[in-house]
């Protein structure tokens, strides 16, 4: 799936074609965000996947599900550079790590 950052919402279908959603991409607070508005489920259903570089040099990937009248679900993964020197080289940081919000 491809998305144009800063472009308008585009209607897309899942691989099977049974479900449709609105796809968009944008920059927000220094993060790149790909957003799927799940309009067939009703108002307020949105999933966002975003990436941003943290001050400590780690790449943060965040998956965020927004649902009406329910708590958001957020999954955050952290990545460090492999095979090169980076400002993020710290003890205890693996190639990928999970952290809760």
C-alpha atoms as a PDB file:
ATOM      1  CA  UNK A   1       0.000   0.000   0.000  1.00  0.00           C
ATOM      2  CA  UNK A   2       1.294   3.422  -0.894  1.00  0.00           C
ATOM      3  CA  UNK A   3       0.250   6.769   0.515  1.00  0.00           C
ATOM      4  CA  UNK A   4       1.134  10.337  -0.489  1.00  0.00           C
ATOM      5  CA  UNK A   5       2.203  12.399   2.519  1.00  0.00           C
ATOM      6  CA  UNK A   6       0.148  15.576   2.695  1.00  0.00           C
ATOM      7  CA  UNK A   7      -2.327  14.321   0.088  1.00  0.00           C
ATOM      8  CA  UNK A   8      -6.030  13.947   0.709  1.00  0.00           C
ATOM      9  CA  UNK A   9      -7.821  10.837   1.916  1.00  0.00           C
ATOM     10  CA  UNK A  10      -8.090   8.072  -0.668  1.00  0.00           C
ATOM     11  CA  UNK A  11     -10.606   5.231  -0.502  1.00  0.00           C
ATOM     12  CA  UNK A  12      -8.914   1.816  -0.527  1.00  0.00           C
ATOM     13  CA  UNK A  13      -9.991  -1.808  -0.103  1.00  0.00           C
ATOM     14  CA  UNK A  14      -8.504  -4.613   1.959  1.00  0.00           C
ATOM     15  CA  UNK A  15      -6.659  -7.398   0.139  1.00  0.00           C
ATOM     16  CA  UNK A  16      -9.857  -9.449  -0.113  1.00  0.00           C
ATOM     17  CA  UNK A  17     -11.861  -6.405  -1.228  1.00  0.00           C
ATOM     18  CA  UNK A  18     -14.581  -7.017   1.350  1.00  0.00           C
ATOM     19  CA  UNK A  19     -13.833  -3.978   3.528  1.00  0.00           C
ATOM     20  CA  UNK A  20     -13.114  -0.401   2.505  1.00  0.00           C
ATOM     21  CA  UNK A  21     -11.302   2.355   4.386  1.00  0.00           C
ATOM     22  CA  UNK A  22      -9.988   5.893   3.885  1.00  0.00           C
ATOM     23  CA  UNK A  23      -6.176   6.149   3.751  1.00  0.00           C
ATOM     24  CA  UNK A  24      -4.089   9.280   4.267  1.00  0.00           C
ATOM     25  CA  UNK A  25      -0.552  10.252   5.235  1.00  0.00           C
ATOM     26  CA  UNK A  26       0.774  13.342   6.957  1.00  0.00           C
ATOM     27  CA  UNK A  27       3.433  14.743   9.260  1.00  0.00           C
ATOM     28  CA  UNK A  28       2.447  15.581  12.823  1.00  0.00           C
ATOM     29  CA  UNK A  29       4.737  16.818  15.607  1.00  0.00           C
ATOM     30  CA  UNK A  30       7.842  15.556  13.789  1.00  0.00           C
ATOM     31  CA  UNK A  31       6.353  12.103  13.106  1.00  0.00           C
ATOM     32  CA  UNK A  32       5.294  10.527   9.819  1.00  0.00           C
ATOM     33  CA  UNK A  33       1.759   9.175  10.166  1.00  0.00           C
ATOM     34  CA  UNK A  34      -0.248   6.785   7.985  1.00  0.00           C
ATOM     35  CA  UNK A  35      -3.918   6.878   8.961  1.00  0.00           C
ATOM     36  CA  UNK A  36      -6.739   4.481   8.093  1.00  0.00           C
ATOM     37  CA  UNK A  37     -10.214   5.776   8.849  1.00  0.00           C
ATOM     38  CA  UNK A  38     -12.348   2.657   9.204  1.00  0.00           C
ATOM     39  CA  UNK A  39     -15.594   4.297   8.077  1.00  0.00           C
ATOM     40  CA  UNK A  40     -17.488   1.041   7.550  1.00  0.00           C
ATOM     41  CA  UNK A  41     -17.284   0.387  11.309  1.00  0.00           C
ATOM     42  CA  UNK A  42     -18.895   3.749  12.058  1.00  0.00           C
ATOM     43  CA  UNK A  43     -17.734   7.181  13.191  1.00  0.00           C
ATOM     44  CA  UNK A  44     -14.629   7.383  15.358  1.00  0.00           C
ATOM     45  CA  UNK A  45     -12.806   4.211  14.218  1.00  0.00           C
ATOM     46  CA  UNK A  46      -9.244   5.169  13.222  1.00  0.00           C
ATOM     47  CA  UNK A  47      -5.930   3.332  13.102  1.00  0.00           C
ATOM     48  CA  UNK A  48      -2.647   5.212  12.861  1.00  0.00           C
ATOM     49  CA  UNK A  49       0.855   3.909  12.310  1.00  0.00           C
ATOM     50  CA  UNK A  50       3.606   6.460  12.860  1.00  0.00           C
ATOM     51  CA  UNK A  51       7.369   6.753  12.987  1.00  0.00           C
ATOM     52  CA  UNK A  52       9.588   9.329  14.655  1.00  0.00           C
ATOM     53  CA  UNK A  53      13.194   9.726  15.686  1.00  0.00           C
ATOM     54  CA  UNK A  54      13.563  10.274  19.434  1.00  0.00           C
ATOM     55  CA  UNK A  55      16.068  12.611  21.106  1.00  0.00           C
ATOM     56  CA  UNK A  56      18.128   9.579  22.196  1.00  0.00           C
ATOM     57  CA  UNK A  57      18.520   8.473  18.549  1.00  0.00           C
ATOM     58  CA  UNK A  58      16.072   5.550  18.710  1.00  0.00           C
ATOM     59  CA  UNK A  59      13.445   5.127  16.008  1.00  0.00           C
ATOM     60  CA  UNK A  60       9.987   4.867  17.575  1.00  0.00           C
ATOM     61  CA  UNK A  61       7.176   3.096  15.725  1.00  0.00           C
ATOM     62  CA  UNK A  62       3.688   3.480  17.161  1.00  0.00           C
ATOM     63  CA  UNK A  63       0.454   1.706  16.252  1.00  0.00           C
ATOM     64  CA  UNK A  64      -2.597   3.520  17.620  1.00  0.00           C
ATOM     65  CA  UNK A  65      -6.199   2.285  17.421  1.00  0.00           C
ATOM     66  CA  UNK A  66      -8.936   4.787  18.287  1.00  0.00           C
ATOM     67  CA  UNK A  67     -12.429   3.432  18.953  1.00  0.00           C
ATOM     68  CA  UNK A  68     -15.567   5.288  20.034  1.00  0.00           C
ATOM     69  CA  UNK A  69     -16.458   4.934  23.722  1.00  0.00           C
ATOM     70  CA  UNK A  70     -13.440   2.687  24.410  1.00  0.00           C
ATOM     71  CA  UNK A  71      -9.862   3.241  25.538  1.00  0.00           C
ATOM     72  CA  UNK A  72      -7.289   3.674  22.793  1.00  0.00           C
ATOM     73  CA  UNK A  73      -4.924   0.788  22.116  1.00  0.00           C
ATOM     74  CA  UNK A  74      -1.304   1.877  21.623  1.00  0.00           C
ATOM     75  CA  UNK A  75       1.660  -0.358  20.818  1.00  0.00           C
ATOM     76  CA  UNK A  76       5.109   1.234  20.719  1.00  0.00           C
ATOM     77  CA  UNK A  77       8.294  -0.380  19.418  1.00  0.00           C
ATOM     78  CA  UNK A  78      11.799   1.048  19.630  1.00  0.00           C
ATOM     79  CA  UNK A  79      14.614   0.359  17.169  1.00  0.00           C
ATOM     80  CA  UNK A  80      18.316   1.104  17.434  1.00  0.00           C
ATOM     81  CA  UNK A  81      20.860   1.304  14.625  1.00  0.00           C
ATOM     82  CA  UNK A  82      22.619  -2.004  13.880  1.00  0.00           C
ATOM     83  CA  UNK A  83      26.196  -2.146  12.609  1.00  0.00           C
ATOM     84  CA  UNK A  84      26.993   1.496  13.028  1.00  0.00           C
ATOM     85  CA  UNK A  85      27.819   4.029  15.676  1.00  0.00           C
ATOM     86  CA  UNK A  86      24.818   6.026  16.826  1.00  0.00           C
ATOM     87  CA  UNK A  87      24.024   8.385  19.653  1.00  0.00           C
ATOM     88  CA  UNK A  88      21.535   5.819  20.901  1.00  0.00           C
ATOM     89  CA  UNK A  89      24.067   3.143  21.796  1.00  0.00           C
ATOM     90  CA  UNK A  90      22.995   2.236  25.317  1.00  0.00           C
ATOM     91  CA  UNK A  91      23.085  -0.871  27.405  1.00  0.00           C
ATOM     92  CA  UNK A  92      19.850  -2.844  27.485  1.00  0.00           C
ATOM     93  CA  UNK A  93      18.459  -1.639  24.151  1.00  0.00           C
ATOM     94  CA  UNK A  94      17.911  -4.489  21.665  1.00  0.00           C
ATOM     95  CA  UNK A  95      17.236  -4.183  17.954  1.00  0.00           C
ATOM     96  CA  UNK A  96      13.533  -3.977  18.804  1.00  0.00           C
ATOM     97  CA  UNK A  97      11.926  -3.434  22.157  1.00  0.00           C
ATOM     98  CA  UNK A  98       8.366  -3.056  23.343  1.00  0.00           C
ATOM     99  CA  UNK A  99       7.273  -0.291  25.649  1.00  0.00           C
ATOM    100  CA  UNK A 100       3.863   0.617  26.999  1.00  0.00           C
ATOM    101  CA  UNK A 101       2.303   4.058  27.088  1.00  0.00           C
END
